[in-house]
Amino acid sequence: MLKYFIKSLVSLGVVLLMSGCNGSDSPLGAGGEFTKTLEKRYVKADVPVVFYMPSSVSSSSSSNSVDSNSSATASVYSINNYPSKGSLDIIGGSATYTASVGNSGSDSFSIKEIGSDGEEYIYIQPIEIIAVNSEPILKGNPTTNIKKGQKYYFRPTVIDADNSANQLTFEISNKPFWASFNSFSGELTGTANTNTEEVCSTDQNGTTTCVKNPVETTFSNVTISVKDGTNYVSMEPFSIIVTP
């Protein structure tokens, strides 16, 4: 009987099954099952990878390659054990595995084949998921109009599929002079203030007196950004108008 193992990934993410002896085999069990553990494959999270089905072949066969058309009609495939860190779908003579976003480390699945000889064959596929750093999402609805002397507070909402909130750092540009910014949480706080306009007058004795009056002030292009060590994402710039 020829047995098959996964030899290599091609550039489009398809795994080819070639005859050979890598992996480990278990003899037929009491129920007539043959079990084979295939060579471990390395995949990236959220990237679908297609595995072509292995095929049992009669020991009298002289073929040394997989005929996907004949094996698809001669054998029936089903999922024996689902992966715990991703999804698995069988379509025709192939299985598509997709590791879930945010997952990494070891996973596995197994496929059952009922061959043309009526025997059951179990193929176990070990997986190693290479972590992919997803870009965080930063959003929110900051207050854009406020009166002088009022308390201002805004904290953006950050969504990180990698659950790496403890690794996130925030930055701000064009921060109002009266505000404070927390680089760990992204909070913008403070007591709203305005710029002033100096108005001077001279009395009949020639004495000049100047007074600074508050004026409506617009703090434009305030931009809050977040970085996770790899990606750098910014909110849409906003303005804060402070009235006296």
Protein backbone atom coordinates (compact mmCIF):
# COMPACT_ATOMS: atom_id res chain seq x y z
CA MET A 1 0.00 0.00 0.00
CA LEU A 2 1.34 3.45 -0.89
CA LYS A 3 0.99 6.09 1.77
CA TYR A 4 1.10 9.87 1.28
CA PHE A 5 2.36 12.84 3.22
CA ILE A 6 2.37 16.62 2.76
CA LYS A 7 5.69 17.62 1.27
CA SER A 8 5.64 21.38 0.74
CA LEU A 9 3.57 24.54 0.54
CA VAL A 10 3.47 26.25 -2.83
CA SER A 11 3.41 30.02 -3.26
CA LEU A 12 -0.39 30.22 -3.47
CA GLY A 13 -0.88 28.46 -0.15
CA VAL A 14 -1.70 25.01 -1.60
CA VAL A 15 -0.25 21.94 0.03
CA LEU A 16 0.71 19.10 -2.30
CA LEU A 17 0.51 15.49 -1.22
CA MET A 18 3.40 13.32 -2.42
CA SER A 19 4.16 9.66 -1.81
CA GLY A 20 6.85 8.96 0.75
CA CYS A 21 7.65 7.96 4.30
CA ASN A 22 7.79 11.17 6.35
CA GLY A 23 5.48 11.43 9.33
CA SER A 24 4.50 8.43 11.40
CA ASP A 25 2.24 5.49 10.69
CA SER A 26 0.11 3.33 12.92
CA PRO A 27 -0.90 -0.16 11.83
CA LEU A 28 -4.48 -1.16 11.23
CA GLY A 29 -6.42 -1.12 14.47
CA ALA A 30 -9.10 -3.53 15.60
CA GLY A 31 -11.67 -1.53 13.64
CA GLY A 32 -9.66 -1.75 10.44
CA GLU A 33 -8.39 1.86 10.61
CA PHE A 34 -5.00 2.93 9.33
CA THR A 35 -3.68 6.10 10.99
CA LYS A 36 -0.97 8.36 9.61
CA THR A 37 0.45 11.53 11.18
CA LEU A 38 1.58 13.91 8.46
CA GLU A 39 4.46 16.32 8.54
CA LYS A 40 3.78 19.53 10.51
CA ARG A 41 2.78 22.53 8.40
CA TYR A 42 3.38 26.20 9.20
CA VAL A 43 0.60 28.69 8.40
CA LYS A 44 -0.27 32.32 9.11
CA ALA A 45 -3.38 33.40 10.98
CA ASP A 46 -6.35 34.43 8.81
CA VAL A 47 -4.71 33.06 5.66
CA PRO A 48 -6.64 30.14 4.08
CA VAL A 49 -4.45 27.16 3.22
CA VAL A 50 -5.67 24.39 0.91
CA PHE A 51 -4.64 20.81 1.62
CA TYR A 52 -5.16 18.25 -1.13
CA MET A 53 -6.52 15.01 0.23
CA PRO A 54 -4.23 12.01 0.57
CA SER A 55 -5.43 8.82 -1.07
CA SER A 56 -5.13 5.14 -0.21
CA VAL A 57 -4.02 3.06 -3.18
CA SER A 58 -4.28 -0.66 -3.76
CA SER A 59 -1.03 -2.47 -3.03
CA SER A 60 -1.16 -3.88 -6.55
CA SER A 61 -1.05 -0.37 -8.04
CA SER A 62 2.17 0.64 -9.77
CA SER A 63 1.38 4.36 -9.65
CA ASN A 64 3.83 6.59 -7.72
CA SER A 65 1.78 9.80 -7.89
CA VAL A 66 -1.61 11.02 -6.71
CA ASP A 67 -4.37 11.08 -9.29
CA SER A 68 -6.72 13.61 -7.69
CA ASN A 69 -9.53 12.91 -10.14
CA SER A 70 -9.64 9.17 -9.58
CA SER A 71 -9.10 9.40 -5.81
CA ALA A 72 -11.90 11.94 -5.45
CA THR A 73 -14.38 9.54 -7.02
CA ALA A 74 -13.00 6.38 -5.43
CA SER A 75 -12.80 7.68 -1.83
CA VAL A 76 -15.14 9.47 0.56
CA TYR A 77 -13.65 12.07 2.92
CA SER A 78 -14.98 13.58 6.14
CA ILE A 79 -13.64 15.58 9.06
CA ASN A 80 -12.63 13.23 11.86
CA ASN A 81 -11.48 15.89 14.36
CA TYR A 82 -11.91 19.63 13.97
CA PRO A 83 -9.08 22.11 14.74
CA SER A 84 -9.38 24.14 17.94
CA LYS A 85 -7.79 27.37 16.66
CA GLY A 86 -9.31 27.71 13.23
CA SER A 87 -11.93 26.56 10.74
CA LEU A 88 -11.85 23.57 8.41
CA ASP A 89 -13.97 22.92 5.33
CA ILE A 90 -13.95 20.02 2.90
CA ILE A 91 -14.87 20.66 -0.73
CA GLY A 92 -14.40 17.81 -3.16
CA GLY A 93 -10.88 16.44 -2.88
CA SER A 94 -9.42 19.25 -0.78
CA ALA A 95 -9.66 20.68 2.72
CA THR A 96 -9.27 24.39 3.53
CA TYR A 97 -7.89 25.35 6.94
CA THR A 98 -7.94 28.94 8.19
CA ALA A 99 -6.37 29.85 11.53
CA SER A 100 -8.45 32.41 13.43
CA VAL A 101 -7.17 35.98 13.86
CA GLY A 102 -5.17 36.41 17.04
CA ASN A 103 -4.24 32.74 17.32
CA SER A 104 -0.74 31.29 17.30
CA GLY A 105 1.00 28.09 18.36
CA SER A 106 0.05 24.47 17.82
CA ASP A 107 -3.17 23.13 16.31
CA SER A 108 -4.21 20.02 14.41
CA PHE A 109 -7.04 18.33 12.58
CA SER A 110 -7.68 14.88 11.17
CA ILE A 111 -9.41 13.62 8.04
CA LYS A 112 -11.11 10.26 7.62
CA GLU A 113 -11.02 8.54 4.26
CA ILE A 114 -13.19 5.57 3.35
CA GLY A 115 -11.25 4.03 0.52
CA SER A 116 -12.50 2.14 -2.48
CA ASP A 117 -11.58 -1.03 -0.57
CA GLY A 118 -14.04 -0.12 2.20
CA GLU A 119 -11.27 0.40 4.75
CA GLU A 120 -10.98 3.56 6.90
CA TYR A 121 -7.86 5.69 6.86
CA ILE A 122 -7.20 8.53 9.35
CA TYR A 123 -4.79 11.32 8.42
CA ILE A 124 -3.67 13.61 11.27
CA GLN A 125 -2.35 17.01 10.21
CA PRO A 126 -0.30 18.94 12.82
CA ILE A 127 -0.32 22.73 12.37
CA GLU A 128 1.91 25.50 13.72
CA ILE A 129 0.30 28.95 13.49
CA ILE A 130 2.63 31.88 12.94
CA ALA A 131 1.21 34.93 14.69
CA VAL A 132 0.21 37.86 12.45
CA ASN A 133 -0.02 41.29 14.05
CA SER A 134 -3.39 42.75 13.05
CA GLU A 135 -3.80 46.50 12.70
CA PRO A 136 -5.76 48.00 15.63
CA ILE A 137 -8.91 50.05 15.04
CA LEU A 138 -9.15 53.47 16.70
CA LYS A 139 -12.42 55.39 16.80
CA GLY A 140 -14.59 57.69 18.92
CA ASN A 141 -16.77 60.82 19.01
CA PRO A 142 -14.87 63.61 20.74
CA THR A 143 -16.64 66.73 22.02
CA THR A 144 -15.99 69.53 19.54
CA ASN A 145 -17.73 72.50 21.27
CA ILE A 146 -17.21 73.55 24.88
CA LYS A 147 -17.25 76.69 27.03
CA LYS A 148 -14.25 78.17 28.77
CA GLY A 149 -13.92 76.76 32.29
CA GLN A 150 -15.75 73.50 31.57
CA LYS A 151 -14.09 70.12 32.07
CA TYR A 152 -13.12 68.30 28.90
CA TYR A 153 -12.82 64.52 28.63
CA PHE A 154 -12.36 62.19 25.68
CA ARG A 155 -11.06 58.64 25.51
CA PRO A 156 -10.97 56.87 22.13
CA THR A 157 -12.15 53.29 21.67
CA VAL A 158 -9.45 50.90 20.50
CA ILE A 159 -10.16 47.44 19.09
CA ASP A 160 -7.21 45.09 18.82
CA ALA A 161 -7.85 41.61 17.43
CA ASP A 162 -4.54 40.46 18.90
CA ASN A 163 -5.75 41.31 22.42
CA SER A 164 -2.50 43.15 23.08
CA ALA A 165 -4.01 46.10 24.95
CA ASN A 166 -1.09 46.11 27.38
CA GLN A 167 1.29 46.72 24.46
CA LEU A 168 -0.55 49.69 22.97
CA THR A 169 0.79 53.23 23.27
CA PHE A 170 -0.94 56.46 22.22
CA GLU A 171 0.28 59.73 20.77
CA ILE A 172 -1.33 63.10 20.04
CA SER A 173 -0.55 65.99 17.75
CA ASN A 174 -1.88 69.57 17.98
CA LYS A 175 -2.93 69.11 21.60
CA PRO A 176 -4.65 72.21 23.09
CA PHE A 177 -2.37 74.05 25.52
CA TRP A 178 -4.82 73.57 28.39
CA ALA A 179 -5.18 69.79 27.98
CA SER A 180 -3.29 66.77 29.32
CA PHE A 181 -2.82 63.52 27.41
CA ASN A 182 -2.34 59.98 28.73
CA SER A 183 -0.08 57.94 26.43
CA PHE A 184 -1.20 54.64 28.01
CA SER A 185 -4.98 55.11 27.65
CA GLY A 186 -5.33 57.81 24.99
CA GLU A 187 -7.35 60.05 27.36
CA LEU A 188 -7.48 63.77 26.60
CA THR A 189 -8.55 65.81 29.65
CA GLY A 190 -8.41 69.34 31.01
CA THR A 191 -10.25 72.56 31.79
CA ALA A 192 -11.13 74.31 28.57
CA ASN A 193 -9.52 77.67 27.99
CA THR A 194 -9.26 80.20 25.18
CA ASN A 195 -6.69 82.44 23.69
CA THR A 196 -6.89 86.07 24.71
CA GLU A 197 -6.93 89.32 22.82
CA GLU A 198 -5.32 92.37 24.34
CA VAL A 199 -7.39 95.56 24.20
CA CYS A 200 -5.75 98.83 25.23
CA SER A 201 -7.25 102.25 25.91
CA THR A 202 -5.78 105.62 26.91
CA ASP A 203 -7.59 107.99 29.24
CA GLN A 204 -7.58 111.80 29.17
CA ASN A 205 -4.53 111.91 31.38
CA GLY A 206 -2.57 109.91 28.85
CA THR A 207 -2.56 106.74 30.91
CA THR A 208 -2.80 103.57 28.83
CA THR A 209 -4.53 100.53 30.25
CA CYS A 210 -4.49 97.15 28.55
CA VAL A 211 -6.88 94.29 29.25
CA LYS A 212 -6.67 90.70 27.93
CA ASN A 213 -10.08 89.45 26.93
CA PRO A 214 -10.86 85.81 26.11
CA VAL A 215 -11.87 85.16 22.52
CA GLU A 216 -13.45 82.18 20.82
CA THR A 217 -10.64 79.82 19.93
CA THR A 218 -10.56 76.83 17.58
CA PHE A 219 -7.95 74.14 18.22
CA SER A 220 -7.68 72.44 14.85
CA ASN A 221 -6.38 69.09 13.57
CA VAL A 222 -6.18 67.40 16.93
CA THR A 223 -5.07 63.87 16.04
CA ILE A 224 -4.83 60.86 18.34
CA SER A 225 -2.84 57.83 17.18
CA VAL A 226 -2.10 54.36 18.53
CA LYS A 227 0.74 51.95 17.82
CA ASP A 228 1.10 48.30 18.75
CA GLY A 229 4.79 47.90 18.07
CA THR A 230 4.27 47.19 14.38
CA ASN A 231 1.27 49.17 13.14
CA TYR A 232 0.55 52.88 13.53
CA VAL A 233 -3.08 54.01 13.21
CA SER A 234 -4.60 57.49 13.58
CA MET A 235 -8.13 58.75 14.16
CA GLU A 236 -9.69 61.25 11.82
CA PRO A 237 -8.40 64.71 12.92
CA PHE A 238 -10.94 66.83 14.84
CA SER A 239 -11.27 70.37 16.14
CA ILE A 240 -12.29 71.72 19.56
CA ILE A 241 -14.01 75.10 19.63
CA VAL A 242 -13.87 76.89 23.00
CA THR A 243 -16.13 79.87 23.56
CA PRO A 244 -15.77 82.48 26.38
